[in-house]
ModelCIF file with pLDDT and N, C-alpha, C, O atoms, coordinates in Angstrom:
data_MODEL
#
_entry.id   MODEL 
#
_entity.id                         1 
_entity.type                       polymer 
_entity.pdbx_number_of_molecules   1 
#
_entity_poly.entity_id                      1 
_entity_poly.type                           'polypeptide(L)' 
_entity_poly.nstd_linkage                   no 
_entity_poly.nstd_monomer                   no 
_entity_poly.pdbx_seq_one_letter_code       ERFVTVVPEIDLPGHTQAAIAAYPELGNNPDEPVGVSTRWGVSRRVL 
_entity_poly.pdbx_seq_one_letter_code_can   ERFVTVVPEIDLPGHTQAAIAAYPELGNNPDEPVGVSTRWGVSRRVL 
_entity_poly.pdbx_strand_id                 A 
#
loop_
_entity_poly_seq.entity_id 
_entity_poly_seq.num 
_entity_poly_seq.mon_id 
_entity_poly_seq.hetero 
1 1  GLU n 
1 2  ARG n 
1 3  PHE n 
1 4  VAL n 
1 5  THR n 
1 6  VAL n 
1 7  VAL n 
1 8  PRO n 
1 9  GLU n 
1 10 ILE n 
1 11 ASP n 
1 12 LEU n 
1 13 PRO n 
1 14 GLY n 
1 15 HIS n 
1 16 THR n 
1 17 GLN n 
1 18 ALA n 
1 19 ALA n 
1 20 ILE n 
1 21 ALA n 
1 22 ALA n 
1 23 TYR n 
1 24 PRO n 
1 25 GLU n 
1 26 LEU n 
1 27 GLY n 
1 28 ASN n 
1 29 ASN n 
1 30 PRO n 
1 31 ASP n 
1 32 GLU n 
1 33 PRO n 
1 34 VAL n 
1 35 GLY n 
1 36 VAL n 
1 37 SER n 
1 38 THR n 
1 39 ARG n 
1 40 TRP n 
1 41 GLY n 
1 42 VAL n 
1 43 SER n 
1 44 ARG n 
1 45 ARG n 
1 46 VAL n 
1 47 LEU n 
#
_struct_asym.id          A 
_struct_asym.entity_id   1 
#
loop_
_ma_qa_metric.id 
_ma_qa_metric.mode 
_ma_qa_metric.name 
_ma_qa_metric.software_group_id 
_ma_qa_metric.type 
1 global pLDDT . pLDDT 
2 local  pLDDT . pLDDT 
#
_ma_qa_metric_global.metric_id      1 
_ma_qa_metric_global.metric_value   96.70 
_ma_qa_metric_global.model_id       1 
_ma_qa_metric_global.ordinal_id     1 
#
loop_
_ma_qa_metric_local.label_asym_id 
_ma_qa_metric_local.label_comp_id 
_ma_qa_metric_local.label_seq_id 
_ma_qa_metric_local.metric_id 
_ma_qa_metric_local.metric_value 
_ma_qa_metric_local.model_id 
_ma_qa_metric_local.ordinal_id 
A GLU 1  2 98.00 1 1  
A ARG 2  2 98.00 1 2  
A PHE 3  2 98.00 1 3  
A VAL 4  2 98.00 1 4  
A THR 5  2 98.00 1 5  
A VAL 6  2 99.00 1 6  
A VAL 7  2 99.00 1 7  
A PRO 8  2 99.00 1 8  
A GLU 9  2 98.00 1 9  
A ILE 10 2 98.00 1 10 
A ASP 11 2 98.00 1 11 
A LEU 12 2 98.00 1 12 
A PRO 13 2 98.00 1 13 
A GLY 14 2 98.00 1 14 
A HIS 15 2 98.00 1 15 
A THR 16 2 98.00 1 16 
A GLN 17 2 98.00 1 17 
A ALA 18 2 98.00 1 18 
A ALA 19 2 98.00 1 19 
A ILE 20 2 98.00 1 20 
A ALA 21 2 98.00 1 21 
A ALA 22 2 98.00 1 22 
A TYR 23 2 98.00 1 23 
A PRO 24 2 98.00 1 24 
A GLU 25 2 97.00 1 25 
A LEU 26 2 98.00 1 26 
A GLY 27 2 98.00 1 27 
A ASN 28 2 97.00 1 28 
A ASN 29 2 95.00 1 29 
A PRO 30 2 92.00 1 30 
A ASP 31 2 92.00 1 31 
A GLU 32 2 91.00 1 32 
A PRO 33 2 88.00 1 33 
A VAL 34 2 96.00 1 34 
A GLY 35 2 98.00 1 35 
A VAL 36 2 98.00 1 36 
A SER 37 2 98.00 1 37 
A THR 38 2 97.00 1 38 
A ARG 39 2 94.00 1 39 
A TRP 40 2 93.00 1 40 
A GLY 41 2 91.00 1 41 
A VAL 42 2 92.00 1 42 
A SER 43 2 96.00 1 43 
A ARG 44 2 96.00 1 44 
A ARG 45 2 97.00 1 45 
A VAL 46 2 98.00 1 46 
A LEU 47 2 98.00 1 47 
#
loop_
_atom_site.group_PDB 
_atom_site.id 
_atom_site.type_symbol 
_atom_site.label_atom_id 
_atom_site.label_alt_id 
_atom_site.label_comp_id 
_atom_site.label_asym_id 
_atom_site.label_entity_id 
_atom_site.label_seq_id 
_atom_site.pdbx_PDB_ins_code 
_atom_site.Cartn_x 
_atom_site.Cartn_y 
_atom_site.Cartn_z 
_atom_site.occupancy 
_atom_site.B_iso_or_equiv 
_atom_site.pdbx_formal_charge 
_atom_site.auth_seq_id 
_atom_site.auth_comp_id 
_atom_site.auth_asym_id 
_atom_site.auth_atom_id 
_atom_site.pdbx_PDB_model_num 
ATOM 1   N N  . GLU A 1 1  ? -12.021 -9.561  -0.065  1.00 98.00 ? 1  GLU A N  1 
ATOM 2   C CA . GLU A 1 1  ? -13.100 -10.691 -0.071  1.00 98.00 ? 1  GLU A CA 1 
ATOM 3   C C  . GLU A 1 1  ? -12.452 -11.962 -0.559  1.00 98.00 ? 1  GLU A C  1 
ATOM 4   O O  . GLU A 1 1  ? -13.120 -12.996 -0.555  1.00 98.00 ? 1  GLU A O  1 
ATOM 5   N N  . ARG A 1 2  ? -11.087 -11.967 -1.016  1.00 98.00 ? 2  ARG A N  1 
ATOM 6   C CA . ARG A 1 2  ? -10.315 -12.941 -1.632  1.00 98.00 ? 2  ARG A CA 1 
ATOM 7   C C  . ARG A 1 2  ? -9.047  -12.966 -0.571  1.00 98.00 ? 2  ARG A C  1 
ATOM 8   O O  . ARG A 1 2  ? -8.021  -13.589 -0.843  1.00 98.00 ? 2  ARG A O  1 
ATOM 9   N N  . PHE A 1 3  ? -9.190  -12.329 0.501   1.00 98.00 ? 3  PHE A N  1 
ATOM 10  C CA . PHE A 1 3  ? -7.706  -12.275 1.525   1.00 98.00 ? 3  PHE A CA 1 
ATOM 11  C C  . PHE A 1 3  ? -6.599  -11.857 0.924   1.00 98.00 ? 3  PHE A C  1 
ATOM 12  O O  . PHE A 1 3  ? -5.504  -12.332 1.224   1.00 98.00 ? 3  PHE A O  1 
ATOM 13  N N  . VAL A 1 4  ? -6.748  -10.925 0.011   1.00 98.00 ? 4  VAL A N  1 
ATOM 14  C CA . VAL A 1 4  ? -5.092  -10.190 -0.665  1.00 98.00 ? 4  VAL A CA 1 
ATOM 15  C C  . VAL A 1 4  ? -5.389  -8.773  -0.126  1.00 98.00 ? 4  VAL A C  1 
ATOM 16  O O  . VAL A 1 4  ? -6.416  -8.105  -0.251  1.00 98.00 ? 4  VAL A O  1 
ATOM 17  N N  . THR A 1 5  ? -4.510  -8.553  0.354   1.00 98.00 ? 5  THR A N  1 
ATOM 18  C CA . THR A 1 5  ? -3.962  -7.147  1.236   1.00 98.00 ? 5  THR A CA 1 
ATOM 19  C C  . THR A 1 5  ? -3.350  -6.533  0.237   1.00 98.00 ? 5  THR A C  1 
ATOM 20  O O  . THR A 1 5  ? -2.273  -6.940  -0.198  1.00 98.00 ? 5  THR A O  1 
ATOM 21  N N  . VAL A 1 6  ? -4.002  -5.430  -0.262  1.00 99.00 ? 6  VAL A N  1 
ATOM 22  C CA . VAL A 1 6  ? -3.324  -4.335  -1.230  1.00 99.00 ? 6  VAL A CA 1 
ATOM 23  C C  . VAL A 1 6  ? -2.263  -3.181  -0.540  1.00 99.00 ? 6  VAL A C  1 
ATOM 24  O O  . VAL A 1 6  ? -2.608  -2.362  0.312   1.00 99.00 ? 6  VAL A O  1 
ATOM 25  N N  . VAL A 1 7  ? -1.298  -3.276  -0.945  1.00 99.00 ? 7  VAL A N  1 
ATOM 26  C CA . VAL A 1 7  ? -0.318  -2.340  -0.394  1.00 99.00 ? 7  VAL A CA 1 
ATOM 27  C C  . VAL A 1 7  ? 0.118   -1.535  -1.382  1.00 99.00 ? 7  VAL A C  1 
ATOM 28  O O  . VAL A 1 7  ? 0.649   -1.960  -2.408  1.00 99.00 ? 7  VAL A O  1 
ATOM 29  N N  . PRO A 1 8  ? -0.113  -0.173  -1.089  1.00 99.00 ? 8  PRO A N  1 
ATOM 30  C CA . PRO A 1 8  ? 0.081   0.908   -2.209  1.00 99.00 ? 8  PRO A CA 1 
ATOM 31  C C  . PRO A 1 8  ? 1.777   1.583   -2.061  1.00 99.00 ? 8  PRO A C  1 
ATOM 32  O O  . PRO A 1 8  ? 2.363   1.688   -0.984  1.00 99.00 ? 8  PRO A O  1 
ATOM 33  N N  . GLU A 1 9  ? 2.252   1.917   -3.182  1.00 98.00 ? 9  GLU A N  1 
ATOM 34  C CA . GLU A 1 9  ? 3.581   2.461   -2.972  1.00 98.00 ? 9  GLU A CA 1 
ATOM 35  C C  . GLU A 1 9  ? 3.488   3.718   -3.715  1.00 98.00 ? 9  GLU A C  1 
ATOM 36  O O  . GLU A 1 9  ? 3.242   3.625   -4.917  1.00 98.00 ? 9  GLU A O  1 
ATOM 37  N N  . ILE A 1 10 ? 3.653   4.935   -3.173  1.00 98.00 ? 10 ILE A N  1 
ATOM 38  C CA . ILE A 1 10 ? 4.093   6.555   -3.658  1.00 98.00 ? 10 ILE A CA 1 
ATOM 39  C C  . ILE A 1 10 ? 5.639   6.469   -3.675  1.00 98.00 ? 10 ILE A C  1 
ATOM 40  O O  . ILE A 1 10 ? 6.213   6.495   -2.586  1.00 98.00 ? 10 ILE A O  1 
ATOM 41  N N  . ASP A 1 11 ? 6.210   6.390   -4.575  1.00 98.00 ? 11 ASP A N  1 
ATOM 42  C CA . ASP A 1 11 ? 7.736   6.423   -4.845  1.00 98.00 ? 11 ASP A CA 1 
ATOM 43  C C  . ASP A 1 11 ? 8.045   7.849   -4.507  1.00 98.00 ? 11 ASP A C  1 
ATOM 44  O O  . ASP A 1 11 ? 7.557   8.798   -5.123  1.00 98.00 ? 11 ASP A O  1 
ATOM 45  N N  . LEU A 1 12 ? 9.002   7.976   -3.351  1.00 98.00 ? 12 LEU A N  1 
ATOM 46  C CA . LEU A 1 12 ? 9.794   9.048   -3.356  1.00 98.00 ? 12 LEU A CA 1 
ATOM 47  C C  . LEU A 1 12 ? 11.106  8.698   -2.569  1.00 98.00 ? 12 LEU A C  1 
ATOM 48  O O  . LEU A 1 12 ? 11.310  7.631   -1.989  1.00 98.00 ? 12 LEU A O  1 
ATOM 49  N N  . PRO A 1 13 ? 11.846  9.621   -2.632  1.00 98.00 ? 13 PRO A N  1 
ATOM 50  C CA . PRO A 1 13 ? 12.198  11.101  -3.541  1.00 98.00 ? 13 PRO A CA 1 
ATOM 51  C C  . PRO A 1 13 ? 12.621  11.123  -4.689  1.00 98.00 ? 13 PRO A C  1 
ATOM 52  O O  . PRO A 1 13 ? 12.847  12.150  -5.329  1.00 98.00 ? 13 PRO A O  1 
ATOM 53  N N  . GLY A 1 14 ? 12.814  9.687   -5.176  1.00 98.00 ? 14 GLY A N  1 
ATOM 54  C CA . GLY A 1 14 ? 13.161  9.770   -6.545  1.00 98.00 ? 14 GLY A CA 1 
ATOM 55  C C  . GLY A 1 14 ? 12.068  9.227   -7.294  1.00 98.00 ? 14 GLY A C  1 
ATOM 56  O O  . GLY A 1 14 ? 10.975  9.156   -6.732  1.00 98.00 ? 14 GLY A O  1 
ATOM 57  N N  . HIS A 1 15 ? 12.205  8.799   -8.581  1.00 98.00 ? 15 HIS A N  1 
ATOM 58  C CA . HIS A 1 15 ? 10.814  8.398   -9.363  1.00 98.00 ? 15 HIS A CA 1 
ATOM 59  C C  . HIS A 1 15 ? 9.751   9.538   -9.099  1.00 98.00 ? 15 HIS A C  1 
ATOM 60  O O  . HIS A 1 15 ? 8.631   9.280   -8.659  1.00 98.00 ? 15 HIS A O  1 
ATOM 61  N N  . THR A 1 16 ? 10.122  10.641  -9.357  1.00 98.00 ? 16 THR A N  1 
ATOM 62  C CA . THR A 1 16 ? 9.163   11.464  -9.056  1.00 98.00 ? 16 THR A CA 1 
ATOM 63  C C  . THR A 1 16 ? 8.714   12.704  -10.121 1.00 98.00 ? 16 THR A C  1 
ATOM 64  O O  . THR A 1 16 ? 8.092   13.726  -9.833  1.00 98.00 ? 16 THR A O  1 
ATOM 65  N N  . GLN A 1 17 ? 9.271   12.252  -11.549 1.00 98.00 ? 17 GLN A N  1 
ATOM 66  C CA . GLN A 1 17 ? 9.281   13.369  -12.595 1.00 98.00 ? 17 GLN A CA 1 
ATOM 67  C C  . GLN A 1 17 ? 8.066   13.606  -13.016 1.00 98.00 ? 17 GLN A C  1 
ATOM 68  O O  . GLN A 1 17 ? 7.782   14.619  -13.654 1.00 98.00 ? 17 GLN A O  1 
ATOM 69  N N  . ALA A 1 18 ? 7.058   12.511  -12.637 1.00 98.00 ? 18 ALA A N  1 
ATOM 70  C CA . ALA A 1 18 ? 5.376   12.933  -13.255 1.00 98.00 ? 18 ALA A CA 1 
ATOM 71  C C  . ALA A 1 18 ? 4.730   14.006  -11.935 1.00 98.00 ? 18 ALA A C  1 
ATOM 72  O O  . ALA A 1 18 ? 4.029   14.974  -12.229 1.00 98.00 ? 18 ALA A O  1 
ATOM 73  N N  . ALA A 1 19 ? 5.024   13.725  -10.717 1.00 98.00 ? 19 ALA A N  1 
ATOM 74  C CA . ALA A 1 19 ? 4.687   14.714  -9.851  1.00 98.00 ? 19 ALA A CA 1 
ATOM 75  C C  . ALA A 1 19 ? 5.147   15.810  -9.947  1.00 98.00 ? 19 ALA A C  1 
ATOM 76  O O  . ALA A 1 19 ? 4.433   16.793  -9.743  1.00 98.00 ? 19 ALA A O  1 
ATOM 77  N N  . ILE A 1 20 ? 6.454   15.926  -10.281 1.00 98.00 ? 20 ILE A N  1 
ATOM 78  C CA . ILE A 1 20 ? 7.193   17.345  -10.613 1.00 98.00 ? 20 ILE A CA 1 
ATOM 79  C C  . ILE A 1 20 ? 6.764   17.953  -11.822 1.00 98.00 ? 20 ILE A C  1 
ATOM 80  O O  . ILE A 1 20 ? 6.817   19.180  -11.915 1.00 98.00 ? 20 ILE A O  1 
ATOM 81  N N  . ALA A 1 21 ? 6.327   17.228  -12.801 1.00 98.00 ? 21 ALA A N  1 
ATOM 82  C CA . ALA A 1 21 ? 5.694   17.841  -14.100 1.00 98.00 ? 21 ALA A CA 1 
ATOM 83  C C  . ALA A 1 21 ? 4.617   18.577  -13.651 1.00 98.00 ? 21 ALA A C  1 
ATOM 84  O O  . ALA A 1 21 ? 4.393   19.670  -14.172 1.00 98.00 ? 21 ALA A O  1 
ATOM 85  N N  . ALA A 1 22 ? 3.718   18.034  -12.520 1.00 98.00 ? 22 ALA A N  1 
ATOM 86  C CA . ALA A 1 22 ? 2.189   18.513  -12.262 1.00 98.00 ? 22 ALA A CA 1 
ATOM 87  C C  . ALA A 1 22 ? 2.479   19.802  -11.130 1.00 98.00 ? 22 ALA A C  1 
ATOM 88  O O  . ALA A 1 22 ? 1.639   20.654  -10.841 1.00 98.00 ? 22 ALA A O  1 
ATOM 89  N N  . TYR A 1 23 ? 3.742   19.730  -10.624 1.00 98.00 ? 23 TYR A N  1 
ATOM 90  C CA . TYR A 1 23 ? 3.695   20.789  -9.519  1.00 98.00 ? 23 TYR A CA 1 
ATOM 91  C C  . TYR A 1 23 ? 5.257   21.159  -9.402  1.00 98.00 ? 23 TYR A C  1 
ATOM 92  O O  . TYR A 1 23 ? 5.941   20.664  -8.506  1.00 98.00 ? 23 TYR A O  1 
ATOM 93  N N  . PRO A 1 24 ? 5.787   22.049  -10.346 1.00 98.00 ? 24 PRO A N  1 
ATOM 94  C CA . PRO A 1 24 ? 7.174   22.181  -10.791 1.00 98.00 ? 24 PRO A CA 1 
ATOM 95  C C  . PRO A 1 24 ? 7.843   22.645  -9.326  1.00 98.00 ? 24 PRO A C  1 
ATOM 96  O O  . PRO A 1 24 ? 9.052   22.499  -9.145  1.00 98.00 ? 24 PRO A O  1 
ATOM 97  N N  . GLU A 1 25 ? 7.016   23.189  -8.340  1.00 97.00 ? 25 GLU A N  1 
ATOM 98  C CA . GLU A 1 25 ? 7.456   23.691  -7.100  1.00 97.00 ? 25 GLU A CA 1 
ATOM 99  C C  . GLU A 1 25 ? 8.200   22.421  -6.019  1.00 97.00 ? 25 GLU A C  1 
ATOM 100 O O  . GLU A 1 25 ? 8.900   22.581  -5.019  1.00 97.00 ? 25 GLU A O  1 
ATOM 101 N N  . LEU A 1 26 ? 7.813   21.389  -6.559  1.00 98.00 ? 26 LEU A N  1 
ATOM 102 C CA . LEU A 1 26 ? 8.243   20.182  -5.750  1.00 98.00 ? 26 LEU A CA 1 
ATOM 103 C C  . LEU A 1 26 ? 9.645   19.972  -6.045  1.00 98.00 ? 26 LEU A C  1 
ATOM 104 O O  . LEU A 1 26 ? 10.374  19.571  -5.137  1.00 98.00 ? 26 LEU A O  1 
ATOM 105 N N  . GLY A 1 27 ? 10.162  20.212  -7.314  1.00 98.00 ? 27 GLY A N  1 
ATOM 106 C CA . GLY A 1 27 ? 11.541  19.760  -7.920  1.00 98.00 ? 27 GLY A CA 1 
ATOM 107 C C  . GLY A 1 27 ? 12.435  20.823  -7.334  1.00 98.00 ? 27 GLY A C  1 
ATOM 108 O O  . GLY A 1 27 ? 12.120  21.774  -6.618  1.00 98.00 ? 27 GLY A O  1 
ATOM 109 N N  . ASN A 1 28 ? 13.947  20.356  -7.918  1.00 97.00 ? 28 ASN A N  1 
ATOM 110 C CA . ASN A 1 28 ? 14.885  21.455  -7.327  1.00 97.00 ? 28 ASN A CA 1 
ATOM 111 C C  . ASN A 1 28 ? 15.200  22.427  -8.282  1.00 97.00 ? 28 ASN A C  1 
ATOM 112 O O  . ASN A 1 28 ? 16.160  23.158  -8.037  1.00 97.00 ? 28 ASN A O  1 
ATOM 113 N N  . ASN A 1 29 ? 14.379  22.625  -9.657  1.00 95.00 ? 29 ASN A N  1 
ATOM 114 C CA . ASN A 1 29 ? 14.639  23.271  -10.583 1.00 95.00 ? 29 ASN A CA 1 
ATOM 115 C C  . ASN A 1 29 ? 13.198  24.088  -11.051 1.00 95.00 ? 29 ASN A C  1 
ATOM 116 O O  . ASN A 1 29 ? 12.870  24.091  -12.238 1.00 95.00 ? 29 ASN A O  1 
ATOM 117 N N  . PRO A 1 30 ? 12.447  24.716  -10.102 1.00 92.00 ? 30 PRO A N  1 
ATOM 118 C CA . PRO A 1 30 ? 11.045  24.765  -10.550 1.00 92.00 ? 30 PRO A CA 1 
ATOM 119 C C  . PRO A 1 30 ? 11.106  25.923  -11.674 1.00 92.00 ? 30 PRO A C  1 
ATOM 120 O O  . PRO A 1 30 ? 9.989   26.207  -12.108 1.00 92.00 ? 30 PRO A O  1 
ATOM 121 N N  . ASP A 1 31 ? 12.069  26.576  -12.178 1.00 92.00 ? 31 ASP A N  1 
ATOM 122 C CA . ASP A 1 31 ? 11.863  27.234  -13.150 1.00 92.00 ? 31 ASP A CA 1 
ATOM 123 C C  . ASP A 1 31 ? 12.144  26.655  -14.464 1.00 92.00 ? 31 ASP A C  1 
ATOM 124 O O  . ASP A 1 31 ? 11.810  27.338  -15.432 1.00 92.00 ? 31 ASP A O  1 
ATOM 125 N N  . GLU A 1 32 ? 12.742  25.431  -14.694 1.00 91.00 ? 32 GLU A N  1 
ATOM 126 C CA . GLU A 1 32 ? 13.086  24.612  -15.497 1.00 91.00 ? 32 GLU A CA 1 
ATOM 127 C C  . GLU A 1 32 ? 12.055  23.756  -16.039 1.00 91.00 ? 32 GLU A C  1 
ATOM 128 O O  . GLU A 1 32 ? 11.905  22.781  -15.303 1.00 91.00 ? 32 GLU A O  1 
ATOM 129 N N  . PRO A 1 33 ? 11.103  23.739  -17.285 1.00 88.00 ? 33 PRO A N  1 
ATOM 130 C CA . PRO A 1 33 ? 9.898   23.185  -17.481 1.00 88.00 ? 33 PRO A CA 1 
ATOM 131 C C  . PRO A 1 33 ? 10.308  21.553  -17.535 1.00 88.00 ? 33 PRO A C  1 
ATOM 132 O O  . PRO A 1 33 ? 11.382  21.276  -18.067 1.00 88.00 ? 33 PRO A O  1 
ATOM 133 N N  . VAL A 1 34 ? 9.446   20.430  -16.978 1.00 96.00 ? 34 VAL A N  1 
ATOM 134 C CA . VAL A 1 34 ? 9.849   19.151  -17.133 1.00 96.00 ? 34 VAL A CA 1 
ATOM 135 C C  . VAL A 1 34 ? 8.352   18.856  -17.699 1.00 96.00 ? 34 VAL A C  1 
ATOM 136 O O  . VAL A 1 34 ? 7.329   19.521  -17.533 1.00 96.00 ? 34 VAL A O  1 
ATOM 137 N N  . GLY A 1 35 ? 8.551   17.651  -18.418 1.00 98.00 ? 35 GLY A N  1 
ATOM 138 C CA . GLY A 1 35 ? 7.025   16.849  -18.271 1.00 98.00 ? 35 GLY A CA 1 
ATOM 139 C C  . GLY A 1 35 ? 7.414   15.510  -18.198 1.00 98.00 ? 35 GLY A C  1 
ATOM 140 O O  . GLY A 1 35 ? 8.573   15.099  -18.257 1.00 98.00 ? 35 GLY A O  1 
ATOM 141 N N  . VAL A 1 36 ? 6.286   14.775  -18.052 1.00 98.00 ? 36 VAL A N  1 
ATOM 142 C CA . VAL A 1 36 ? 6.107   13.255  -17.607 1.00 98.00 ? 36 VAL A CA 1 
ATOM 143 C C  . VAL A 1 36 ? 7.219   12.543  -18.596 1.00 98.00 ? 36 VAL A C  1 
ATOM 144 O O  . VAL A 1 36 ? 7.286   12.786  -19.801 1.00 98.00 ? 36 VAL A O  1 
ATOM 145 N N  . SER A 1 37 ? 7.927   11.787  -18.018 1.00 98.00 ? 37 SER A N  1 
ATOM 146 C CA . SER A 1 37 ? 8.896   11.063  -18.496 1.00 98.00 ? 37 SER A CA 1 
ATOM 147 C C  . SER A 1 37 ? 8.354   10.234  -19.802 1.00 98.00 ? 37 SER A C  1 
ATOM 148 O O  . SER A 1 37 ? 7.129   10.113  -19.811 1.00 98.00 ? 37 SER A O  1 
ATOM 149 N N  . THR A 1 38 ? 8.894   9.773   -20.663 1.00 97.00 ? 38 THR A N  1 
ATOM 150 C CA . THR A 1 38 ? 8.701   9.151   -21.886 1.00 97.00 ? 38 THR A CA 1 
ATOM 151 C C  . THR A 1 38 ? 9.735   8.206   -21.913 1.00 97.00 ? 38 THR A C  1 
ATOM 152 O O  . THR A 1 38 ? 9.635   7.404   -22.841 1.00 97.00 ? 38 THR A O  1 
ATOM 153 N N  . ARG A 1 39 ? 10.757  8.051   -21.127 1.00 94.00 ? 39 ARG A N  1 
ATOM 154 C CA . ARG A 1 39 ? 11.868  7.099   -21.378 1.00 94.00 ? 39 ARG A CA 1 
ATOM 155 C C  . ARG A 1 39 ? 11.718  6.285   -20.076 1.00 94.00 ? 39 ARG A C  1 
ATOM 156 O O  . ARG A 1 39 ? 11.287  6.653   -18.983 1.00 94.00 ? 39 ARG A O  1 
ATOM 157 N N  . TRP A 1 40 ? 12.211  5.012   -20.497 1.00 93.00 ? 40 TRP A N  1 
ATOM 158 C CA . TRP A 1 40 ? 12.553  4.353   -19.312 1.00 93.00 ? 40 TRP A CA 1 
ATOM 159 C C  . TRP A 1 40 ? 13.766  4.449   -18.531 1.00 93.00 ? 40 TRP A C  1 
ATOM 160 O O  . TRP A 1 40 ? 14.712  5.061   -19.027 1.00 93.00 ? 40 TRP A O  1 
ATOM 161 N N  . GLY A 1 41 ? 13.897  3.852   -17.198 1.00 91.00 ? 41 GLY A N  1 
ATOM 162 C CA . GLY A 1 41 ? 15.327  4.362   -16.636 1.00 91.00 ? 41 GLY A CA 1 
ATOM 163 C C  . GLY A 1 41 ? 15.173  5.071   -15.450 1.00 91.00 ? 41 GLY A C  1 
ATOM 164 O O  . GLY A 1 41 ? 14.036  5.278   -15.025 1.00 91.00 ? 41 GLY A O  1 
ATOM 165 N N  . VAL A 1 42 ? 16.132  5.462   -14.868 1.00 92.00 ? 42 VAL A N  1 
ATOM 166 C CA . VAL A 1 42 ? 16.316  6.267   -13.847 1.00 92.00 ? 42 VAL A CA 1 
ATOM 167 C C  . VAL A 1 42 ? 16.466  8.039   -14.312 1.00 92.00 ? 42 VAL A C  1 
ATOM 168 O O  . VAL A 1 42 ? 17.420  8.485   -14.948 1.00 92.00 ? 42 VAL A O  1 
ATOM 169 N N  . SER A 1 43 ? 15.474  8.727   -13.897 1.00 96.00 ? 43 SER A N  1 
ATOM 170 C CA . SER A 1 43 ? 15.341  10.305  -14.233 1.00 96.00 ? 43 SER A CA 1 
ATOM 171 C C  . SER A 1 43 ? 16.106  11.019  -12.947 1.00 96.00 ? 43 SER A C  1 
ATOM 172 O O  . SER A 1 43 ? 15.929  10.666  -11.781 1.00 96.00 ? 43 SER A O  1 
ATOM 173 N N  . ARG A 1 44 ? 16.943  12.034  -13.348 1.00 96.00 ? 44 ARG A N  1 
ATOM 174 C CA . ARG A 1 44 ? 17.799  12.627  -12.327 1.00 96.00 ? 44 ARG A CA 1 
ATOM 175 C C  . ARG A 1 44 ? 16.647  13.685  -11.582 1.00 96.00 ? 44 ARG A C  1 
ATOM 176 O O  . ARG A 1 44 ? 16.840  14.220  -10.491 1.00 96.00 ? 44 ARG A O  1 
ATOM 177 N N  . ARG A 1 45 ? 15.610  13.831  -12.287 1.00 97.00 ? 45 ARG A N  1 
ATOM 178 C CA . ARG A 1 45 ? 14.716  14.526  -11.321 1.00 97.00 ? 45 ARG A CA 1 
ATOM 179 C C  . ARG A 1 45 ? 14.306  14.152  -10.352 1.00 97.00 ? 45 ARG A C  1 
ATOM 180 O O  . ARG A 1 45 ? 13.853  13.011  -10.445 1.00 97.00 ? 45 ARG A O  1 
ATOM 181 N N  . VAL A 1 46 ? 14.214  14.764  -9.019  1.00 98.00 ? 46 VAL A N  1 
ATOM 182 C CA . VAL A 1 46 ? 13.931  14.091  -7.761  1.00 98.00 ? 46 VAL A CA 1 
ATOM 183 C C  . VAL A 1 46 ? 13.488  15.282  -6.987  1.00 98.00 ? 46 VAL A C  1 
ATOM 184 O O  . VAL A 1 46 ? 13.752  16.370  -7.499  1.00 98.00 ? 46 VAL A O  1 
ATOM 185 N N  . LEU A 1 47 ? 12.763  15.274  -5.663  1.00 98.00 ? 47 LEU A N  1 
ATOM 186 C CA . LEU A 1 47 ? 12.051  15.972  -5.003  1.00 98.00 ? 47 LEU A CA 1 
ATOM 187 C C  . LEU A 1 47 ? 13.037  16.695  -4.337  1.00 98.00 ? 47 LEU A C  1 
ATOM 188 O O  . LEU A 1 47 ? 12.724  17.563  -3.522  1.00 98.00 ? 47 LEU A O  1 
#
């Protein structure tokens, strides 16, 4: 209504630790528990 287009971003394949915490099978080490990151910076966890 205000002529603003909303562009969504789903970040991948990096910056995905929150997704891997929810579905460990998306990660490279599914048997290693991981939570949503509490730190800033770049996580080594990727899809």
